[in-house]
Amino acid sequence: MASPAEYYKSLPPISKAYGTACLAVTVAFALGVVNPANIALLPELVFYRFQVWRLITNFFFLGKFSINFGIRLLMM
């Protein structure tokens, strides 16, 4: 069985970047650095206040650490 490091190295670059970003945002949420309300996709804030980062960052938050988070991360 391959180690986690070997599995990570075998991933394609886009999947590796997306998985790392998802893990980083979830860790930041767990540590209280990021509030999910600041990255949620709220159309009125995107179109009227021009908070365009919400178009991208909402895809990186998979929820709090749980078995579901692990499964979602592995399914990517």
PDB file of N, CA and C in Angstrom:
ATOM      1  N   MET A   1       0.850  -1.187   0.000  1.00  0.00           N
ATOM      2  CA  MET A   1       0.000   0.000   0.000  1.00  0.00           C
ATOM      3  C   MET A   1       0.890   1.243   0.000  1.00  0.00           C
ATOM      4  N   ALA A   2       0.516   2.206  -0.792  1.00  0.00           N
ATOM      5  CA  ALA A   2       1.289   3.435  -0.918  1.00  0.00           C
ATOM      6  C   ALA A   2       1.110   4.311   0.317  1.00  0.00           C
ATOM      7  N   SER A   3       2.158   5.017   0.656  1.00  0.00           N
ATOM      8  CA  SER A   3       2.079   5.941   1.783  1.00  0.00           C
ATOM      9  C   SER A   3       1.318   7.196   1.348  1.00  0.00           C
ATOM     10  N   PRO A   4       0.843   7.989   2.311  1.00  0.00           N
ATOM     11  CA  PRO A   4       0.149   9.233   1.938  1.00  0.00           C
ATOM     12  C   PRO A   4       1.024  10.175   1.103  1.00  0.00           C
ATOM     13  N   ALA A   5       2.329  10.196   1.389  1.00  0.00           N
ATOM     14  CA  ALA A   5       3.223  11.059   0.611  1.00  0.00           C
ATOM     15  C   ALA A   5       3.306  10.598  -0.841  1.00  0.00           C
ATOM     16  N   GLU A   6       3.362   9.293  -1.059  1.00  0.00           N
ATOM     17  CA  GLU A   6       3.401   8.768  -2.427  1.00  0.00           C
ATOM     18  C   GLU A   6       2.088   9.049  -3.152  1.00  0.00           C
ATOM     19  N   TYR A   7       0.983   8.912  -2.433  1.00  0.00           N
ATOM     20  CA  TYR A   7      -0.321   9.211  -3.028  1.00  0.00           C
ATOM     21  C   TYR A   7      -0.398  10.682  -3.434  1.00  0.00           C
ATOM     22  N   TYR A   8       0.073  11.569  -2.552  1.00  0.00           N
ATOM     23  CA  TYR A   8       0.040  13.005  -2.841  1.00  0.00           C
ATOM     24  C   TYR A   8       0.903  13.333  -4.056  1.00  0.00           C
ATOM     25  N   LYS A   9       2.079  12.729  -4.140  1.00  0.00           N
ATOM     26  CA  LYS A   9       2.974  12.980  -5.273  1.00  0.00           C
ATOM     27  C   LYS A   9       2.406  12.456  -6.588  1.00  0.00           C
ATOM     28  N   SER A  10       1.567  11.428  -6.512  1.00  0.00           N
ATOM     29  CA  SER A  10       1.015  10.846  -7.736  1.00  0.00           C
ATOM     30  C   SER A  10      -0.181  11.630  -8.293  1.00  0.00           C
ATOM     31  N   LEU A  11      -0.700  12.586  -7.537  1.00  0.00           N
ATOM     32  CA  LEU A  11      -1.857  13.357  -7.992  1.00  0.00           C
ATOM     33  C   LEU A  11      -1.476  14.316  -9.118  1.00  0.00           C
ATOM     34  N   PRO A  12      -2.404  14.587 -10.024  1.00  0.00           N
ATOM     35  CA  PRO A  12      -2.165  15.612 -11.050  1.00  0.00           C
ATOM     36  C   PRO A  12      -2.038  16.996 -10.392  1.00  0.00           C
ATOM     37  N   PRO A  13      -1.343  17.925 -11.026  1.00  0.00           N
ATOM     38  CA  PRO A  13      -1.099  19.236 -10.410  1.00  0.00           C
ATOM     39  C   PRO A  13      -2.367  19.994 -10.014  1.00  0.00           C
ATOM     40  N   ILE A  14      -3.405  19.960 -10.836  1.00  0.00           N
ATOM     41  CA  ILE A  14      -4.633  20.694 -10.523  1.00  0.00           C
ATOM     42  C   ILE A  14      -5.320  20.079  -9.306  1.00  0.00           C
ATOM     43  N   SER A  15      -5.399  18.763  -9.267  1.00  0.00           N
ATOM     44  CA  SER A  15      -6.016  18.079  -8.122  1.00  0.00           C
ATOM     45  C   SER A  15      -5.220  18.327  -6.852  1.00  0.00           C
ATOM     46  N   LYS A  16      -3.909  18.332  -6.979  1.00  0.00           N
ATOM     47  CA  LYS A  16      -3.042  18.582  -5.829  1.00  0.00           C
ATOM     48  C   LYS A  16      -3.256  20.001  -5.295  1.00  0.00           C
ATOM     49  N   ALA A  17      -3.318  20.978  -6.197  1.00  0.00           N
ATOM     50  CA  ALA A  17      -3.520  22.371  -5.785  1.00  0.00           C
ATOM     51  C   ALA A  17      -4.893  22.556  -5.146  1.00  0.00           C
ATOM     52  N   TYR A  18      -5.930  21.976  -5.756  1.00  0.00           N
ATOM     53  CA  TYR A  18      -7.281  22.116  -5.213  1.00  0.00           C
ATOM     54  C   TYR A  18      -7.406  21.425  -3.854  1.00  0.00           C
ATOM     55  N   GLY A  19      -6.874  20.231  -3.733  1.00  0.00           N
ATOM     56  CA  GLY A  19      -6.924  19.515  -2.461  1.00  0.00           C
ATOM     57  C   GLY A  19      -6.169  20.242  -1.365  1.00  0.00           C
ATOM     58  N   THR A  20      -5.014  20.796  -1.706  1.00  0.00           N
ATOM     59  CA  THR A  20      -4.231  21.555  -0.733  1.00  0.00           C
ATOM     60  C   THR A  20      -4.975  22.817  -0.310  1.00  0.00           C
ATOM     61  N   ALA A  21      -5.603  23.500  -1.261  1.00  0.00           N
ATOM     62  CA  ALA A  21      -6.377  24.704  -0.932  1.00  0.00           C
ATOM     63  C   ALA A  21      -7.567  24.359  -0.039  1.00  0.00           C
ATOM     64  N   CYS A  22      -8.252  23.260  -0.327  1.00  0.00           N
ATOM     65  CA  CYS A  22      -9.386  22.834   0.511  1.00  0.00           C
ATOM     66  C   CYS A  22      -8.926  22.523   1.925  1.00  0.00           C
ATOM     67  N   LEU A  23      -7.814  21.819   2.038  1.00  0.00           N
ATOM     68  CA  LEU A  23      -7.284  21.490   3.357  1.00  0.00           C
ATOM     69  C   LEU A  23      -6.858  22.754   4.103  1.00  0.00           C
ATOM     70  N   ALA A  24      -6.205  23.685   3.406  1.00  0.00           N
ATOM     71  CA  ALA A  24      -5.749  24.924   4.039  1.00  0.00           C
ATOM     72  C   ALA A  24      -6.920  25.768   4.542  1.00  0.00           C
ATOM     73  N   VAL A  25      -7.965  25.899   3.745  1.00  0.00           N
ATOM     74  CA  VAL A  25      -9.126  26.694   4.159  1.00  0.00           C
ATOM     75  C   VAL A  25      -9.837  26.028   5.331  1.00  0.00           C
ATOM     76  N   THR A  26      -9.936  24.713   5.322  1.00  0.00           N
ATOM     77  CA  THR A  26     -10.598  24.008   6.417  1.00  0.00           C
ATOM     78  C   THR A  26      -9.788  24.112   7.704  1.00  0.00           C
ATOM     79  N   VAL A  27      -8.467  24.029   7.608  1.00  0.00           N
ATOM     80  CA  VAL A  27      -7.618  24.207   8.791  1.00  0.00           C
ATOM     81  C   VAL A  27      -7.755  25.634   9.313  1.00  0.00           C
ATOM     82  N   ALA A  28      -7.767  26.615   8.412  1.00  0.00           N
ATOM     83  CA  ALA A  28      -7.938  28.010   8.833  1.00  0.00           C
ATOM     84  C   ALA A  28      -9.283  28.211   9.523  1.00  0.00           C
ATOM     85  N   PHE A  29     -10.332  27.554   9.030  1.00  0.00           N
ATOM     86  CA  PHE A  29     -11.644  27.625   9.681  1.00  0.00           C
ATOM     87  C   PHE A  29     -11.598  26.976  11.060  1.00  0.00           C
ATOM     88  N   ALA A  30     -10.963  25.815  11.161  1.00  0.00           N
ATOM     89  CA  ALA A  30     -10.890  25.103  12.440  1.00  0.00           C
ATOM     90  C   ALA A  30     -10.104  25.899  13.481  1.00  0.00           C
ATOM     91  N   LEU A  31      -9.107  26.660  13.041  1.00  0.00           N
ATOM     92  CA  LEU A  31      -8.305  27.474  13.956  1.00  0.00           C
ATOM     93  C   LEU A  31      -8.931  28.836  14.239  1.00  0.00           C
ATOM     94  N   GLY A  32     -10.026  29.155  13.583  1.00  0.00           N
ATOM     95  CA  GLY A  32     -10.713  30.420  13.801  1.00  0.00           C
ATOM     96  C   GLY A  32     -10.137  31.581  13.015  1.00  0.00           C
ATOM     97  N   VAL A  33      -9.296  31.307  12.038  1.00  0.00           N
ATOM     98  CA  VAL A  33      -8.693  32.364  11.226  1.00  0.00           C
ATOM     99  C   VAL A  33      -9.667  32.854  10.162  1.00  0.00           C
ATOM    100  N   VAL A  34     -10.464  31.933   9.620  1.00  0.00           N
ATOM    101  CA  VAL A  34     -11.405  32.251   8.542  1.00  0.00           C
ATOM    102  C   VAL A  34     -12.825  32.019   9.025  1.00  0.00           C
ATOM    103  N   ASN A  35     -13.679  32.981   8.756  1.00  0.00           N
ATOM    104  CA  ASN A  35     -15.101  32.843   9.036  1.00  0.00           C
ATOM    105  C   ASN A  35     -15.784  32.418   7.731  1.00  0.00           C
ATOM    106  N   PRO A  36     -16.553  31.330   7.731  1.00  0.00           N
ATOM    107  CA  PRO A  36     -17.197  30.895   6.484  1.00  0.00           C
ATOM    108  C   PRO A  36     -18.085  31.963   5.850  1.00  0.00           C
ATOM    109  N   ALA A  37     -18.598  32.878   6.633  1.00  0.00           N
ATOM    110  CA  ALA A  37     -19.425  33.952   6.072  1.00  0.00           C
ATOM    111  C   ALA A  37     -18.606  34.881   5.176  1.00  0.00           C
ATOM    112  N   ASN A  38     -17.286  34.911   5.374  1.00  0.00           N
ATOM    113  CA  ASN A  38     -16.429  35.766   4.552  1.00  0.00           C
ATOM    114  C   ASN A  38     -16.071  35.148   3.210  1.00  0.00           C
ATOM    115  N   ILE A  39     -16.295  33.842   3.052  1.00  0.00           N
ATOM    116  CA  ILE A  39     -15.966  33.198   1.783  1.00  0.00           C
ATOM    117  C   ILE A  39     -17.190  32.606   1.093  1.00  0.00           C
ATOM    118  N   ALA A  40     -18.338  32.697   1.725  1.00  0.00           N
ATOM    119  CA  ALA A  40     -19.567  32.137   1.144  1.00  0.00           C
ATOM    120  C   ALA A  40     -19.959  32.902  -0.115  1.00  0.00           C
ATOM    121  N   LEU A  41     -20.568  32.203  -1.045  1.00  0.00           N
ATOM    122  CA  LEU A  41     -21.022  32.833  -2.286  1.00  0.00           C
ATOM    123  C   LEU A  41     -22.376  33.487  -2.046  1.00  0.00           C
ATOM    124  N   LEU A  42     -22.345  34.797  -1.854  1.00  0.00           N
ATOM    125  CA  LEU A  42     -23.552  35.592  -1.659  1.00  0.00           C
ATOM    126  C   LEU A  42     -23.651  36.556  -2.842  1.00  0.00           C
ATOM    127  N   PRO A  43     -24.587  36.309  -3.760  1.00  0.00           N
ATOM    128  CA  PRO A  43     -24.642  37.094  -5.003  1.00  0.00           C
ATOM    129  C   PRO A  43     -24.733  38.604  -4.791  1.00  0.00           C
ATOM    130  N   GLU A  44     -25.475  39.030  -3.785  1.00  0.00           N
ATOM    131  CA  GLU A  44     -25.601  40.479  -3.588  1.00  0.00           C
ATOM    132  C   GLU A  44     -24.270  41.123  -3.220  1.00  0.00           C
ATOM    133  N   LEU A  45     -23.406  40.398  -2.496  1.00  0.00           N
ATOM    134  CA  LEU A  45     -22.089  40.949  -2.172  1.00  0.00           C
ATOM    135  C   LEU A  45     -21.155  40.910  -3.379  1.00  0.00           C
ATOM    136  N   VAL A  46     -21.304  39.929  -4.221  1.00  0.00           N
ATOM    137  CA  VAL A  46     -20.467  39.837  -5.421  1.00  0.00           C
ATOM    138  C   VAL A  46     -20.836  40.935  -6.410  1.00  0.00           C
ATOM    139  N   PHE A  47     -22.128  41.122  -6.668  1.00  0.00           N
ATOM    140  CA  PHE A  47     -22.555  42.052  -7.717  1.00  0.00           C
ATOM    141  C   PHE A  47     -22.642  43.503  -7.259  1.00  0.00           C
ATOM    142  N   TYR A  48     -22.989  43.747  -6.000  1.00  0.00           N
ATOM    143  CA  TYR A  48     -23.174  45.126  -5.552  1.00  0.00           C
ATOM    144  C   TYR A  48     -21.985  45.685  -4.785  1.00  0.00           C
ATOM    145  N   ARG A  49     -21.200  44.820  -4.141  1.00  0.00           N
ATOM    146  CA  ARG A  49     -20.015  45.287  -3.411  1.00  0.00           C
ATOM    147  C   ARG A  49     -18.721  44.821  -4.063  1.00  0.00           C
ATOM    148  N   PHE A  50     -18.826  44.132  -5.188  1.00  0.00           N
ATOM    149  CA  PHE A  50     -17.684  43.702  -5.991  1.00  0.00           C
ATOM    150  C   PHE A  50     -16.679  42.852  -5.211  1.00  0.00           C
ATOM    151  N   GLN A  51     -17.186  41.970  -4.373  1.00  0.00           N
ATOM    152  CA  GLN A  51     -16.331  41.035  -3.632  1.00  0.00           C
ATOM    153  C   GLN A  51     -16.154  39.782  -4.494  1.00  0.00           C
ATOM    154  N   VAL A  52     -15.339  39.928  -5.542  1.00  0.00           N
ATOM    155  CA  VAL A  52     -15.215  38.886  -6.563  1.00  0.00           C
ATOM    156  C   VAL A  52     -14.489  37.637  -6.069  1.00  0.00           C
ATOM    157  N   TRP A  53     -13.733  37.717  -4.970  1.00  0.00           N
ATOM    158  CA  TRP A  53     -13.054  36.529  -4.449  1.00  0.00           C
ATOM    159  C   TRP A  53     -14.054  35.458  -4.038  1.00  0.00           C
ATOM    160  N   ARG A  54     -15.270  35.850  -3.755  1.00  0.00           N
ATOM    161  CA  ARG A  54     -16.297  34.886  -3.353  1.00  0.00           C
ATOM    162  C   ARG A  54     -16.654  33.923  -4.492  1.00  0.00           C
ATOM    163  N   LEU A  55     -16.381  34.321  -5.733  1.00  0.00           N
ATOM    164  CA  LEU A  55     -16.641  33.443  -6.876  1.00  0.00           C
ATOM    165  C   LEU A  55     -15.703  32.235  -6.885  1.00  0.00           C
ATOM    166  N   ILE A  56     -14.548  32.355  -6.256  1.00  0.00           N
ATOM    167  CA  ILE A  56     -13.548  31.285  -6.239  1.00  0.00           C
ATOM    168  C   ILE A  56     -13.464  30.600  -4.877  1.00  0.00           C
ATOM    169  N   THR A  57     -13.398  31.390  -3.807  1.00  0.00           N
ATOM    170  CA  THR A  57     -13.102  30.817  -2.489  1.00  0.00           C
ATOM    171  C   THR A  57     -14.199  29.917  -1.944  1.00  0.00           C
ATOM    172  N   ASN A  58     -15.422  30.075  -2.395  1.00  0.00           N
ATOM    173  CA  ASN A  58     -16.500  29.233  -1.853  1.00  0.00           C
ATOM    174  C   ASN A  58     -16.298  27.767  -2.196  1.00  0.00           C
ATOM    175  N   PHE A  59     -15.568  27.461  -3.259  1.00  0.00           N
ATOM    176  CA  PHE A  59     -15.339  26.070  -3.650  1.00  0.00           C
ATOM    177  C   PHE A  59     -14.282  25.382  -2.792  1.00  0.00           C
ATOM    178  N   PHE A  60     -13.528  26.140  -2.003  1.00  0.00           N
ATOM    179  CA  PHE A  60     -12.455  25.562  -1.197  1.00  0.00           C
ATOM    180  C   PHE A  60     -12.899  25.135   0.193  1.00  0.00           C
ATOM    181  N   PHE A  61     -14.064  25.541   0.626  1.00  0.00           N
ATOM    182  CA  PHE A  61     -14.520  25.186   1.974  1.00  0.00           C
ATOM    183  C   PHE A  61     -15.419  23.962   1.889  1.00  0.00           C
ATOM    184  N   LEU A  62     -14.989  22.862   2.491  1.00  0.00           N
ATOM    185  CA  LEU A  62     -15.738  21.607   2.444  1.00  0.00           C
ATOM    186  C   LEU A  62     -16.463  21.314   3.749  1.00  0.00           C
ATOM    187  N   GLY A  63     -16.420  22.218   4.705  1.00  0.00           N
ATOM    188  CA  GLY A  63     -17.071  21.991   5.989  1.00  0.00           C
ATOM    189  C   GLY A  63     -16.052  21.724   7.074  1.00  0.00           C
ATOM    190  N   LYS A  64     -16.546  21.478   8.274  1.00  0.00           N
ATOM    191  CA  LYS A  64     -15.631  21.225   9.388  1.00  0.00           C
ATOM    192  C   LYS A  64     -15.008  19.837   9.249  1.00  0.00           C
ATOM    193  N   PHE A  65     -13.936  19.613  10.022  1.00  0.00           N
ATOM    194  CA  PHE A  65     -13.278  18.312   9.992  1.00  0.00           C
ATOM    195  C   PHE A  65     -14.235  17.231  10.462  1.00  0.00           C
ATOM    196  N   SER A  66     -14.415  16.222   9.642  1.00  0.00           N
ATOM    197  CA  SER A  66     -15.274  15.084   9.972  1.00  0.00           C
ATOM    198  C   SER A  66     -14.945  13.964   8.998  1.00  0.00           C
ATOM    199  N   ILE A  67     -15.601  12.855   9.153  1.00  0.00           N
ATOM    200  CA  ILE A  67     -15.402  11.758   8.212  1.00  0.00           C
ATOM    201  C   ILE A  67     -15.880  12.166   6.821  1.00  0.00           C
ATOM    202  N   ASN A  68     -16.928  12.973   6.760  1.00  0.00           N
ATOM    203  CA  ASN A  68     -17.414  13.464   5.460  1.00  0.00           C
ATOM    204  C   ASN A  68     -16.374  14.337   4.761  1.00  0.00           C
ATOM    205  N   PHE A  69     -15.662  15.157   5.536  1.00  0.00           N
ATOM    206  CA  PHE A  69     -14.602  15.981   4.959  1.00  0.00           C
ATOM    207  C   PHE A  69     -13.527  15.089   4.343  1.00  0.00           C
ATOM    208  N   GLY A  70     -13.115  14.067   5.066  1.00  0.00           N
ATOM    209  CA  GLY A  70     -12.096  13.155   4.549  1.00  0.00           C
ATOM    210  C   GLY A  70     -12.538  12.452   3.284  1.00  0.00           C
ATOM    211  N   ILE A  71     -13.782  12.028   3.248  1.00  0.00           N
ATOM    212  CA  ILE A  71     -14.302  11.348   2.064  1.00  0.00           C
ATOM    213  C   ILE A  71     -14.358  12.310   0.877  1.00  0.00           C
ATOM    214  N   ARG A  72     -14.818  13.536   1.101  1.00  0.00           N
ATOM    215  CA  ARG A  72     -14.871  14.527   0.014  1.00  0.00           C
ATOM    216  C   ARG A  72     -13.476  14.828  -0.526  1.00  0.00           C
ATOM    217  N   LEU A  73     -12.513  14.930   0.386  1.00  0.00           N
ATOM    218  CA  LEU A  73     -11.148  15.227  -0.035  1.00  0.00           C
ATOM    219  C   LEU A  73     -10.568  14.075  -0.844  1.00  0.00           C
ATOM    220  N   LEU A  74     -10.855  12.854  -0.439  1.00  0.00           N
ATOM    221  CA  LEU A  74     -10.350  11.696  -1.181  1.00  0.00           C
ATOM    222  C   LEU A  74     -11.057  11.502  -2.515  1.00  0.00           C
ATOM    223  N   MET A  75     -12.308  11.916  -2.611  1.00  0.00           N
ATOM    224  CA  MET A  75     -13.064  11.728  -3.842  1.00  0.00           C
ATOM    225  C   MET A  75     -12.652  12.694  -4.949  1.00  0.00           C
ATOM    226  N   MET A  76     -11.895  13.716  -4.628  1.00  0.00           N
ATOM    227  CA  MET A  76     -11.492  14.677  -5.657  1.00  0.00           C
ATOM    228  C   MET A  76     -10.558  14.047  -6.614  1.00  0.00           C
TER     229      MET A  76
END
